[in-house]
Amino acid sequence: MDIFAHGLWTGAAYKALNNKRAFAEKNKLSIKWAVFWGVFPDLFAFTVPFAIIFYNIFFGSLNFSDFPKPDNTEPPGATGLLVMSIAQRLYNVSHSLVIFAVVFLIVYFIFRRMPVEMLGWAFHIFIDIPTHTYEFFPTPVFWPIFGWKFSGISWGEPWFMALNYGGLAIVYFWLNKGVFHRWRRNEDGAVL
């Protein structure tokens, strides 16, 4: 799934958790941190490669014509470009539930509290499993232990993008429906 949708779905999930009565005002989860962790795997995997590409384009050692055509870029890393190899290796690290679990436990033992917002990272991985195909960055769920990957639906398909963002619009409307209930009237006719 694209990075913007990851951020929006993570934000919606944590807003829904905060809306539950189980979370007292002092125990509200940080939606900003959850969204950060929800987009972290893609930031980790692609920031350095994109920085290298932009640096090389800016200083003239790489031209847009050097990039292979989209039909020739799959699977990732097959292009021979070093940045694609870097992206693939970083992607394996950031999209592994094994790596996530290790980092999560380290943070838990250091801070002596459950880093609930970090679960946005795991949420990202679970969303990516069915929304990536073998052809475009399949999610290495159990890397480095197992090489298993699932080939799902491409998140880049136009019908899927429309369904995805339509679903996000419905979810955010539903989460924010409390805004519309503020204008209810009490028994005396006063607006609440």
N, C-alpha and C. Protein backbone atom coordinates (compact mmCIF):
# COMPACT_ATOMS: atom_id res chain seq x y z
N MET A 1 0.85 -1.17 0.00
CA MET A 1 0.00 0.00 0.00
C MET A 1 0.89 1.23 0.00
N ASP A 2 0.40 2.31 -0.52
CA ASP A 2 1.21 3.53 -0.58
C ASP A 2 1.35 4.15 0.81
N ILE A 3 2.38 4.95 0.98
CA ILE A 3 2.74 5.48 2.29
C ILE A 3 1.64 6.39 2.86
N PHE A 4 0.94 7.13 2.02
CA PHE A 4 -0.12 8.02 2.52
C PHE A 4 -1.28 7.20 3.10
N ALA A 5 -1.65 6.14 2.40
CA ALA A 5 -2.73 5.28 2.90
C ALA A 5 -2.32 4.61 4.20
N HIS A 6 -1.05 4.20 4.31
CA HIS A 6 -0.58 3.62 5.57
C HIS A 6 -0.77 4.60 6.72
N GLY A 7 -0.37 5.84 6.49
CA GLY A 7 -0.53 6.85 7.54
C GLY A 7 -1.99 7.09 7.90
N LEU A 8 -2.84 7.15 6.89
CA LEU A 8 -4.26 7.39 7.15
C LEU A 8 -4.93 6.21 7.86
N TRP A 9 -4.63 4.97 7.44
CA TRP A 9 -5.22 3.81 8.10
C TRP A 9 -4.73 3.69 9.55
N THR A 10 -3.45 3.96 9.77
CA THR A 10 -2.92 3.90 11.14
C THR A 10 -3.56 4.98 12.00
N GLY A 11 -3.68 6.19 11.46
CA GLY A 11 -4.34 7.27 12.20
C GLY A 11 -5.77 6.92 12.55
N ALA A 12 -6.49 6.31 11.62
CA ALA A 12 -7.88 5.91 11.87
C ALA A 12 -7.95 4.85 12.96
N ALA A 13 -7.04 3.87 12.90
CA ALA A 13 -7.05 2.79 13.90
C ALA A 13 -6.80 3.35 15.30
N TYR A 14 -5.85 4.25 15.43
CA TYR A 14 -5.53 4.79 16.76
C TYR A 14 -6.56 5.80 17.23
N LYS A 15 -7.19 6.51 16.30
CA LYS A 15 -8.31 7.39 16.70
C LYS A 15 -9.45 6.54 17.24
N ALA A 16 -9.72 5.42 16.59
CA ALA A 16 -10.78 4.52 17.06
C ALA A 16 -10.43 3.97 18.45
N LEU A 17 -9.18 3.61 18.66
CA LEU A 17 -8.76 3.12 19.98
C LEU A 17 -8.94 4.20 21.04
N ASN A 18 -8.57 5.43 20.71
CA ASN A 18 -8.73 6.53 21.66
C ASN A 18 -10.19 6.85 21.95
N ASN A 19 -11.07 6.57 21.00
CA ASN A 19 -12.49 6.83 21.21
C ASN A 19 -13.14 5.84 22.16
N LYS A 20 -12.50 4.71 22.35
CA LYS A 20 -13.04 3.70 23.26
C LYS A 20 -12.97 4.20 24.70
N ARG A 21 -13.92 3.84 25.51
CA ARG A 21 -13.94 4.29 26.90
C ARG A 21 -12.80 3.70 27.73
N ALA A 22 -12.21 2.64 27.25
CA ALA A 22 -11.14 1.99 28.01
C ALA A 22 -9.93 2.90 28.18
N PHE A 23 -9.79 3.89 27.29
CA PHE A 23 -8.65 4.78 27.38
C PHE A 23 -9.09 6.07 28.07
N ALA A 24 -8.66 6.23 29.32
CA ALA A 24 -8.95 7.45 30.04
C ALA A 24 -8.17 8.59 29.39
N GLU A 25 -8.54 9.81 29.70
CA GLU A 25 -7.91 10.97 29.09
C GLU A 25 -6.39 10.95 29.28
N LYS A 26 -5.93 10.52 30.43
CA LYS A 26 -4.48 10.51 30.68
C LYS A 26 -3.78 9.36 29.95
N ASN A 27 -4.53 8.37 29.49
CA ASN A 27 -3.93 7.23 28.80
C ASN A 27 -4.15 7.25 27.29
N LYS A 28 -4.49 8.40 26.74
CA LYS A 28 -4.71 8.50 25.29
C LYS A 28 -3.42 8.12 24.57
N LEU A 29 -3.60 7.41 23.49
CA LEU A 29 -2.45 7.04 22.66
C LEU A 29 -2.09 8.20 21.75
N SER A 30 -0.83 8.37 21.47
CA SER A 30 -0.37 9.43 20.58
C SER A 30 -0.62 9.01 19.13
N ILE A 31 -1.57 9.67 18.50
CA ILE A 31 -1.87 9.36 17.11
C ILE A 31 -0.70 9.76 16.23
N LYS A 32 -0.03 10.86 16.56
CA LYS A 32 1.12 11.31 15.76
C LYS A 32 2.23 10.26 15.76
N TRP A 33 2.54 9.71 16.94
CA TRP A 33 3.58 8.68 17.01
C TRP A 33 3.13 7.40 16.31
N ALA A 34 1.87 7.06 16.46
CA ALA A 34 1.36 5.86 15.80
C ALA A 34 1.46 6.00 14.29
N VAL A 35 1.10 7.17 13.76
CA VAL A 35 1.19 7.40 12.32
C VAL A 35 2.66 7.36 11.88
N PHE A 36 3.55 7.93 12.69
CA PHE A 36 4.98 7.83 12.36
C PHE A 36 5.40 6.37 12.21
N TRP A 37 5.03 5.54 13.20
CA TRP A 37 5.39 4.12 13.14
C TRP A 37 4.65 3.42 12.00
N GLY A 38 3.48 3.91 11.64
CA GLY A 38 2.73 3.32 10.54
C GLY A 38 3.36 3.56 9.18
N VAL A 39 4.12 4.63 9.03
CA VAL A 39 4.81 4.91 7.76
C VAL A 39 6.30 4.59 7.85
N PHE A 40 6.79 4.31 9.05
CA PHE A 40 8.22 4.06 9.26
C PHE A 40 8.82 3.01 8.33
N PRO A 41 8.19 1.85 8.13
CA PRO A 41 8.83 0.85 7.27
C PRO A 41 9.17 1.37 5.86
N ASP A 42 8.28 2.16 5.28
CA ASP A 42 8.55 2.71 3.95
C ASP A 42 9.59 3.83 4.00
N LEU A 43 9.54 4.65 5.04
CA LEU A 43 10.55 5.70 5.20
C LEU A 43 11.94 5.06 5.33
N PHE A 44 12.03 4.03 6.15
CA PHE A 44 13.30 3.33 6.37
C PHE A 44 13.82 2.72 5.07
N ALA A 45 12.94 2.11 4.31
CA ALA A 45 13.36 1.40 3.10
C ALA A 45 13.70 2.32 1.94
N PHE A 46 13.02 3.46 1.84
CA PHE A 46 13.15 4.24 0.61
C PHE A 46 13.78 5.62 0.76
N THR A 47 13.97 6.13 1.97
CA THR A 47 14.54 7.47 2.14
C THR A 47 15.98 7.53 1.63
N VAL A 48 16.82 6.60 2.06
CA VAL A 48 18.22 6.61 1.63
C VAL A 48 18.35 6.42 0.11
N PRO A 49 17.68 5.42 -0.48
CA PRO A 49 17.78 5.29 -1.94
C PRO A 49 17.30 6.53 -2.70
N PHE A 50 16.20 7.13 -2.25
CA PHE A 50 15.73 8.34 -2.94
C PHE A 50 16.69 9.50 -2.75
N ALA A 51 17.29 9.61 -1.58
CA ALA A 51 18.28 10.67 -1.35
C ALA A 51 19.48 10.48 -2.27
N ILE A 52 19.92 9.25 -2.45
CA ILE A 52 21.04 8.95 -3.36
C ILE A 52 20.67 9.32 -4.79
N ILE A 53 19.46 8.96 -5.19
CA ILE A 53 19.01 9.27 -6.56
C ILE A 53 18.97 10.78 -6.77
N PHE A 54 18.34 11.52 -5.85
CA PHE A 54 18.23 12.96 -6.01
C PHE A 54 19.59 13.64 -5.97
N TYR A 55 20.47 13.17 -5.12
CA TYR A 55 21.83 13.71 -5.05
C TYR A 55 22.53 13.53 -6.40
N ASN A 56 22.46 12.32 -6.94
CA ASN A 56 23.12 12.03 -8.21
C ASN A 56 22.50 12.78 -9.38
N ILE A 57 21.20 12.98 -9.36
CA ILE A 57 20.55 13.76 -10.41
C ILE A 57 20.97 15.22 -10.30
N PHE A 58 20.96 15.74 -9.07
CA PHE A 58 21.30 17.15 -8.84
C PHE A 58 22.73 17.46 -9.27
N PHE A 59 23.65 16.56 -8.98
CA PHE A 59 25.05 16.80 -9.31
C PHE A 59 25.47 16.22 -10.66
N GLY A 60 24.50 15.75 -11.44
CA GLY A 60 24.74 15.39 -12.82
C GLY A 60 25.34 14.03 -13.10
N SER A 61 25.51 13.19 -12.10
CA SER A 61 26.08 11.87 -12.39
C SER A 61 25.02 10.84 -12.74
N LEU A 62 23.75 11.26 -12.73
CA LEU A 62 22.66 10.36 -13.09
C LEU A 62 21.61 11.16 -13.84
N ASN A 63 21.12 10.61 -14.90
CA ASN A 63 20.07 11.26 -15.69
C ASN A 63 18.80 10.41 -15.62
N PHE A 64 17.69 11.05 -15.88
CA PHE A 64 16.43 10.30 -15.89
C PHE A 64 16.45 9.22 -16.95
N SER A 65 17.20 9.45 -18.01
CA SER A 65 17.28 8.44 -19.07
C SER A 65 18.04 7.19 -18.62
N ASP A 66 18.78 7.29 -17.51
CA ASP A 66 19.51 6.12 -16.99
C ASP A 66 18.58 5.12 -16.30
N PHE A 67 17.41 5.58 -15.94
CA PHE A 67 16.48 4.70 -15.25
C PHE A 67 15.83 3.75 -16.23
N PRO A 68 15.68 2.50 -15.84
CA PRO A 68 15.01 1.55 -16.73
C PRO A 68 13.52 1.88 -16.83
N LYS A 69 12.93 1.47 -17.91
CA LYS A 69 11.48 1.65 -18.09
C LYS A 69 10.75 0.81 -17.05
N PRO A 70 9.53 1.20 -16.65
CA PRO A 70 8.79 0.46 -15.62
C PRO A 70 8.65 -1.03 -15.92
N ASP A 71 8.52 -1.38 -17.18
CA ASP A 71 8.38 -2.80 -17.54
C ASP A 71 9.64 -3.60 -17.23
N ASN A 72 10.78 -2.90 -17.12
CA ASN A 72 12.06 -3.58 -16.92
C ASN A 72 12.55 -3.50 -15.47
N THR A 73 11.73 -3.03 -14.57
CA THR A 73 12.21 -2.84 -13.19
C THR A 73 11.77 -3.94 -12.24
N GLU A 74 11.04 -4.89 -12.71
CA GLU A 74 10.54 -5.94 -11.82
C GLU A 74 11.20 -7.26 -12.11
N PRO A 75 11.51 -8.04 -11.13
CA PRO A 75 11.37 -7.71 -9.72
C PRO A 75 12.39 -6.66 -9.29
N PRO A 76 12.13 -5.97 -8.15
CA PRO A 76 13.05 -4.94 -7.68
C PRO A 76 14.45 -5.52 -7.51
N GLY A 77 15.42 -4.74 -7.84
CA GLY A 77 16.80 -5.18 -7.72
C GLY A 77 17.34 -5.78 -9.01
N ALA A 78 16.46 -6.16 -9.92
CA ALA A 78 16.90 -6.79 -11.16
C ALA A 78 17.41 -5.77 -12.17
N THR A 79 17.28 -4.50 -11.84
CA THR A 79 17.67 -3.45 -12.78
C THR A 79 19.17 -3.25 -12.82
N GLY A 80 19.88 -3.69 -11.83
CA GLY A 80 21.32 -3.46 -11.77
C GLY A 80 21.67 -2.15 -11.10
N LEU A 81 20.69 -1.32 -10.79
CA LEU A 81 20.97 -0.07 -10.08
C LEU A 81 21.26 -0.36 -8.62
N LEU A 82 22.34 0.20 -8.10
CA LEU A 82 22.72 -0.01 -6.71
C LEU A 82 21.61 0.44 -5.75
N VAL A 83 20.94 1.55 -6.08
CA VAL A 83 19.90 2.05 -5.18
C VAL A 83 18.74 1.07 -5.05
N MET A 84 18.44 0.32 -6.11
CA MET A 84 17.37 -0.68 -6.01
C MET A 84 17.78 -1.82 -5.09
N SER A 85 19.05 -2.18 -5.13
CA SER A 85 19.56 -3.22 -4.24
C SER A 85 19.51 -2.75 -2.79
N ILE A 86 19.88 -1.49 -2.56
CA ILE A 86 19.82 -0.92 -1.21
C ILE A 86 18.38 -0.90 -0.72
N ALA A 87 17.47 -0.44 -1.58
CA ALA A 87 16.06 -0.37 -1.20
C ALA A 87 15.52 -1.75 -0.85
N GLN A 88 15.88 -2.76 -1.63
CA GLN A 88 15.38 -4.12 -1.37
C GLN A 88 15.89 -4.64 -0.02
N ARG A 89 17.14 -4.39 0.29
CA ARG A 89 17.70 -4.86 1.56
C ARG A 89 17.07 -4.14 2.75
N LEU A 90 16.90 -2.82 2.63
CA LEU A 90 16.25 -2.07 3.70
C LEU A 90 14.79 -2.47 3.85
N TYR A 91 14.14 -2.75 2.72
CA TYR A 91 12.75 -3.19 2.73
C TYR A 91 12.61 -4.51 3.48
N ASN A 92 13.53 -5.44 3.27
CA ASN A 92 13.50 -6.71 3.99
C ASN A 92 13.56 -6.49 5.49
N VAL A 93 14.41 -5.58 5.92
CA VAL A 93 14.56 -5.31 7.35
C VAL A 93 13.29 -4.67 7.91
N SER A 94 12.79 -3.64 7.25
CA SER A 94 11.68 -2.87 7.81
C SER A 94 10.31 -3.52 7.64
N HIS A 95 10.20 -4.52 6.78
CA HIS A 95 8.91 -5.17 6.55
C HIS A 95 8.87 -6.61 7.07
N SER A 96 9.69 -6.88 8.08
CA SER A 96 9.74 -8.20 8.70
C SER A 96 9.12 -8.14 10.09
N LEU A 97 8.17 -9.02 10.34
CA LEU A 97 7.60 -9.10 11.70
C LEU A 97 8.63 -9.58 12.71
N VAL A 98 9.60 -10.34 12.26
CA VAL A 98 10.66 -10.82 13.15
C VAL A 98 11.48 -9.62 13.65
N ILE A 99 11.91 -8.77 12.73
CA ILE A 99 12.68 -7.58 13.10
C ILE A 99 11.83 -6.66 13.97
N PHE A 100 10.57 -6.47 13.58
CA PHE A 100 9.67 -5.63 14.38
C PHE A 100 9.59 -6.15 15.81
N ALA A 101 9.39 -7.46 15.99
CA ALA A 101 9.25 -8.04 17.33
C ALA A 101 10.51 -7.82 18.16
N VAL A 102 11.66 -7.97 17.55
CA VAL A 102 12.93 -7.76 18.27
C VAL A 102 13.03 -6.31 18.73
N VAL A 103 12.80 -5.36 17.83
CA VAL A 103 12.88 -3.94 18.17
C VAL A 103 11.83 -3.58 19.22
N PHE A 104 10.62 -4.09 19.06
CA PHE A 104 9.53 -3.82 20.00
C PHE A 104 9.92 -4.28 21.41
N LEU A 105 10.46 -5.48 21.52
CA LEU A 105 10.86 -6.01 22.83
C LEU A 105 12.02 -5.23 23.43
N ILE A 106 12.96 -4.81 22.61
CA ILE A 106 14.07 -3.99 23.11
C ILE A 106 13.55 -2.68 23.69
N VAL A 107 12.66 -2.02 22.95
CA VAL A 107 12.07 -0.76 23.43
C VAL A 107 11.28 -1.00 24.72
N TYR A 108 10.54 -2.09 24.76
CA TYR A 108 9.76 -2.42 25.97
C TYR A 108 10.68 -2.58 27.18
N PHE A 109 11.77 -3.30 27.02
CA PHE A 109 12.67 -3.53 28.16
C PHE A 109 13.45 -2.28 28.54
N ILE A 110 13.74 -1.41 27.60
CA ILE A 110 14.46 -0.17 27.91
C ILE A 110 13.55 0.80 28.66
N PHE A 111 12.33 1.00 28.16
CA PHE A 111 11.44 2.02 28.73
C PHE A 111 10.47 1.48 29.77
N ARG A 112 10.42 0.17 29.93
CA ARG A 112 9.55 -0.48 30.93
C ARG A 112 8.08 -0.11 30.75
N ARG A 113 7.70 0.05 29.52
CA ARG A 113 6.29 0.27 29.21
C ARG A 113 6.01 -0.29 27.83
N MET A 114 4.78 -0.68 27.62
CA MET A 114 4.37 -1.22 26.33
C MET A 114 4.30 -0.09 25.31
N PRO A 115 5.14 -0.11 24.28
CA PRO A 115 5.11 0.96 23.28
C PRO A 115 3.97 0.73 22.27
N VAL A 116 2.75 0.96 22.70
CA VAL A 116 1.56 0.64 21.91
C VAL A 116 1.57 1.36 20.56
N GLU A 117 2.07 2.58 20.51
CA GLU A 117 2.12 3.32 19.25
C GLU A 117 3.00 2.61 18.22
N MET A 118 4.00 1.87 18.68
CA MET A 118 4.88 1.15 17.75
C MET A 118 4.15 0.04 17.01
N LEU A 119 3.00 -0.35 17.51
CA LEU A 119 2.22 -1.38 16.80
C LEU A 119 1.77 -0.90 15.42
N GLY A 120 1.86 0.42 15.19
CA GLY A 120 1.60 0.95 13.85
C GLY A 120 2.54 0.34 12.82
N TRP A 121 3.76 0.01 13.25
CA TRP A 121 4.73 -0.65 12.37
C TRP A 121 4.23 -2.04 11.97
N ALA A 122 3.77 -2.80 12.95
CA ALA A 122 3.23 -4.14 12.65
C ALA A 122 1.98 -4.03 11.78
N PHE A 123 1.14 -3.03 12.06
CA PHE A 123 -0.06 -2.80 11.27
C PHE A 123 0.32 -2.56 9.80
N HIS A 124 1.38 -1.79 9.58
CA HIS A 124 1.88 -1.53 8.22
C HIS A 124 2.22 -2.84 7.53
N ILE A 125 2.94 -3.71 8.22
CA ILE A 125 3.35 -4.98 7.63
C ILE A 125 2.12 -5.83 7.28
N PHE A 126 1.17 -5.90 8.20
CA PHE A 126 -0.03 -6.71 7.94
C PHE A 126 -0.84 -6.16 6.76
N ILE A 127 -0.87 -4.85 6.61
CA ILE A 127 -1.58 -4.26 5.46
C ILE A 127 -0.83 -4.57 4.16
N ASP A 128 0.49 -4.57 4.22
CA ASP A 128 1.28 -4.80 3.00
C ASP A 128 1.22 -6.24 2.51
N ILE A 129 1.02 -7.19 3.38
CA ILE A 129 1.02 -8.60 2.97
C ILE A 129 0.05 -8.84 1.81
N PRO A 130 -1.23 -8.47 1.93
CA PRO A 130 -2.14 -8.76 0.81
C PRO A 130 -2.15 -7.70 -0.29
N THR A 131 -1.42 -6.57 -0.10
CA THR A 131 -1.49 -5.49 -1.09
C THR A 131 -0.20 -5.32 -1.89
N HIS A 132 0.65 -6.33 -1.86
CA HIS A 132 1.85 -6.33 -2.70
C HIS A 132 1.91 -7.66 -3.45
N THR A 133 2.45 -7.61 -4.65
CA THR A 133 2.58 -8.82 -5.46
C THR A 133 4.05 -9.24 -5.51
N TYR A 134 4.29 -10.41 -6.04
CA TYR A 134 5.67 -10.86 -6.24
C TYR A 134 6.43 -9.89 -7.13
N GLU A 135 5.72 -9.21 -8.01
CA GLU A 135 6.36 -8.33 -8.97
C GLU A 135 6.82 -7.01 -8.38
N PHE A 136 6.22 -6.56 -7.27
CA PHE A 136 6.59 -5.26 -6.71
C PHE A 136 6.70 -5.33 -5.20
N PHE A 137 7.91 -5.49 -4.71
CA PHE A 137 8.23 -5.52 -3.29
C PHE A 137 7.27 -6.39 -2.48
N PRO A 138 7.30 -7.70 -2.71
CA PRO A 138 6.49 -8.58 -1.85
C PRO A 138 6.99 -8.48 -0.41
N THR A 139 6.10 -8.60 0.54
CA THR A 139 6.42 -8.38 1.95
C THR A 139 7.11 -9.60 2.55
N PRO A 140 8.37 -9.43 3.00
CA PRO A 140 9.14 -10.54 3.59
C PRO A 140 8.80 -10.72 5.06
N VAL A 141 7.64 -11.21 5.36
CA VAL A 141 7.07 -11.25 6.71
C VAL A 141 8.00 -11.88 7.75
N PHE A 142 8.64 -12.98 7.41
CA PHE A 142 9.44 -13.71 8.40
C PHE A 142 10.94 -13.61 8.14
N TRP A 143 11.37 -12.63 7.36
CA TRP A 143 12.79 -12.44 7.09
C TRP A 143 13.49 -12.12 8.39
N PRO A 144 14.64 -12.59 8.70
CA PRO A 144 15.57 -13.41 7.95
C PRO A 144 15.43 -14.91 8.21
N ILE A 145 14.40 -15.31 8.95
CA ILE A 145 14.24 -16.73 9.29
C ILE A 145 13.74 -17.53 8.10
N PHE A 146 12.67 -17.04 7.48
CA PHE A 146 12.09 -17.71 6.31
C PHE A 146 11.97 -16.71 5.17
N GLY A 147 12.01 -17.19 3.96
CA GLY A 147 11.89 -16.33 2.79
C GLY A 147 10.47 -16.26 2.24
N TRP A 148 9.48 -16.75 3.01
CA TRP A 148 8.09 -16.80 2.52
C TRP A 148 7.57 -15.41 2.25
N LYS A 149 6.91 -15.27 1.10
CA LYS A 149 6.25 -14.02 0.71
C LYS A 149 4.92 -14.37 0.07
N PHE A 150 3.96 -13.51 0.24
CA PHE A 150 2.62 -13.72 -0.30
C PHE A 150 2.42 -12.77 -1.47
N SER A 151 1.89 -13.29 -2.56
CA SER A 151 1.59 -12.44 -3.71
C SER A 151 0.10 -12.09 -3.68
N GLY A 152 -0.18 -10.85 -3.36
CA GLY A 152 -1.57 -10.42 -3.24
C GLY A 152 -2.00 -9.55 -4.41
N ILE A 153 -2.81 -8.56 -4.12
CA ILE A 153 -3.32 -7.61 -5.09
C ILE A 153 -2.40 -6.40 -5.08
N SER A 154 -2.09 -5.87 -6.23
CA SER A 154 -1.26 -4.68 -6.29
C SER A 154 -2.03 -3.47 -5.79
N TRP A 155 -1.48 -2.78 -4.81
CA TRP A 155 -2.14 -1.59 -4.28
C TRP A 155 -2.20 -0.48 -5.34
N GLY A 156 -1.41 -0.59 -6.40
CA GLY A 156 -1.38 0.43 -7.44
C GLY A 156 -2.47 0.29 -8.49
N GLU A 157 -3.25 -0.79 -8.42
CA GLU A 157 -4.36 -0.96 -9.37
C GLU A 157 -5.37 0.17 -9.16
N PRO A 158 -5.80 0.83 -10.24
CA PRO A 158 -6.73 1.96 -10.07
C PRO A 158 -8.00 1.60 -9.30
N TRP A 159 -8.59 0.44 -9.55
CA TRP A 159 -9.81 0.06 -8.85
C TRP A 159 -9.53 -0.13 -7.35
N PHE A 160 -8.34 -0.65 -7.03
CA PHE A 160 -8.01 -0.85 -5.62
C PHE A 160 -7.75 0.48 -4.93
N MET A 161 -7.07 1.40 -5.62
CA MET A 161 -6.83 2.73 -5.05
C MET A 161 -8.15 3.43 -4.76
N ALA A 162 -9.10 3.35 -5.70
CA ALA A 162 -10.40 3.97 -5.50
C ALA A 162 -11.13 3.34 -4.31
N LEU A 163 -11.10 2.02 -4.23
CA LEU A 163 -11.72 1.32 -3.11
C LEU A 163 -11.04 1.67 -1.79
N ASN A 164 -9.72 1.71 -1.79
CA ASN A 164 -8.95 2.01 -0.60
C ASN A 164 -9.25 3.41 -0.07
N TYR A 165 -9.14 4.41 -0.94
CA TYR A 165 -9.37 5.79 -0.48
C TYR A 165 -10.85 6.06 -0.24
N GLY A 166 -11.73 5.38 -0.95
CA GLY A 166 -13.16 5.47 -0.63
C GLY A 166 -13.43 4.91 0.76
N GLY A 167 -12.81 3.77 1.07
CA GLY A 167 -12.94 3.18 2.40
C GLY A 167 -12.40 4.10 3.48
N LEU A 168 -11.27 4.74 3.20
CA LEU A 168 -10.70 5.70 4.17
C LEU A 168 -11.66 6.87 4.40
N ALA A 169 -12.27 7.37 3.33
CA ALA A 169 -13.22 8.48 3.48
C ALA A 169 -14.40 8.07 4.36
N ILE A 170 -14.91 6.86 4.15
CA ILE A 170 -16.02 6.37 4.97
C ILE A 170 -15.60 6.22 6.43
N VAL A 171 -14.44 5.63 6.65
CA VAL A 171 -13.95 5.42 8.02
C VAL A 171 -13.75 6.74 8.74
N TYR A 172 -13.13 7.71 8.07
CA TYR A 172 -12.91 9.01 8.73
C TYR A 172 -14.23 9.74 8.96
N PHE A 173 -15.17 9.62 8.05
CA PHE A 173 -16.49 10.22 8.28
C PHE A 173 -17.13 9.59 9.51
N TRP A 174 -17.06 8.29 9.60
CA TRP A 174 -17.65 7.56 10.73
C TRP A 174 -16.95 7.94 12.04
N LEU A 175 -15.62 8.02 12.03
CA LEU A 175 -14.88 8.37 13.24
C LEU A 175 -15.18 9.79 13.70
N ASN A 176 -15.45 10.67 12.76
CA ASN A 176 -15.69 12.06 13.11
C ASN A 176 -17.17 12.40 13.23
N LYS A 177 -18.03 11.39 13.17
CA LYS A 177 -19.47 11.67 13.23
C LYS A 177 -19.85 12.30 14.56
N GLY A 178 -19.01 12.13 15.57
CA GLY A 178 -19.27 12.79 16.85
C GLY A 178 -19.37 14.29 16.70
N VAL A 179 -18.71 14.86 15.69
CA VAL A 179 -18.77 16.29 15.43
C VAL A 179 -20.21 16.69 15.15
N PHE A 180 -20.95 15.87 14.41
CA PHE A 180 -22.31 16.20 14.04
C PHE A 180 -23.28 16.03 15.20
N HIS A 181 -22.92 15.18 16.16
CA HIS A 181 -23.79 14.96 17.31
C HIS A 181 -23.68 16.08 18.33
N ARG A 182 -22.70 16.95 18.19
CA ARG A 182 -22.53 18.05 19.14
C ARG A 182 -23.66 19.06 19.02
N TRP A 183 -24.35 19.09 17.91
CA TRP A 183 -25.41 20.06 17.71
C TRP A 183 -26.78 19.53 18.11
N ARG A 184 -26.79 18.45 18.86
CA ARG A 184 -28.07 17.93 19.36
C ARG A 184 -28.69 18.92 20.34
N ARG A 185 -29.98 18.82 20.47
CA ARG A 185 -30.67 19.69 21.42
C ARG A 185 -31.08 18.87 22.65
N ASN A 186 -30.97 19.50 23.81
CA ASN A 186 -31.42 18.80 25.02
C ASN A 186 -32.93 19.00 25.17
N GLU A 187 -33.48 18.57 26.32
CA GLU A 187 -34.95 18.63 26.50
C GLU A 187 -35.47 20.06 26.46
N ASP A 188 -34.66 21.04 26.85
CA ASP A 188 -35.10 22.44 26.88
C ASP A 188 -34.97 23.12 25.52
N GLY A 189 -34.46 22.40 24.53
CA GLY A 189 -34.30 22.97 23.20
C GLY A 189 -32.96 23.67 22.98
N ALA A 190 -32.13 23.68 24.02
CA ALA A 190 -30.83 24.33 23.87
C ALA A 190 -29.88 23.44 23.07
N VAL A 191 -29.09 24.08 22.25
CA VAL A 191 -28.11 23.34 21.46
C VAL A 191 -26.97 22.90 22.37
N LEU A 192 -26.64 21.63 22.29
CA LEU A 192 -25.53 21.11 23.11
C LEU A 192 -24.21 21.30 22.42
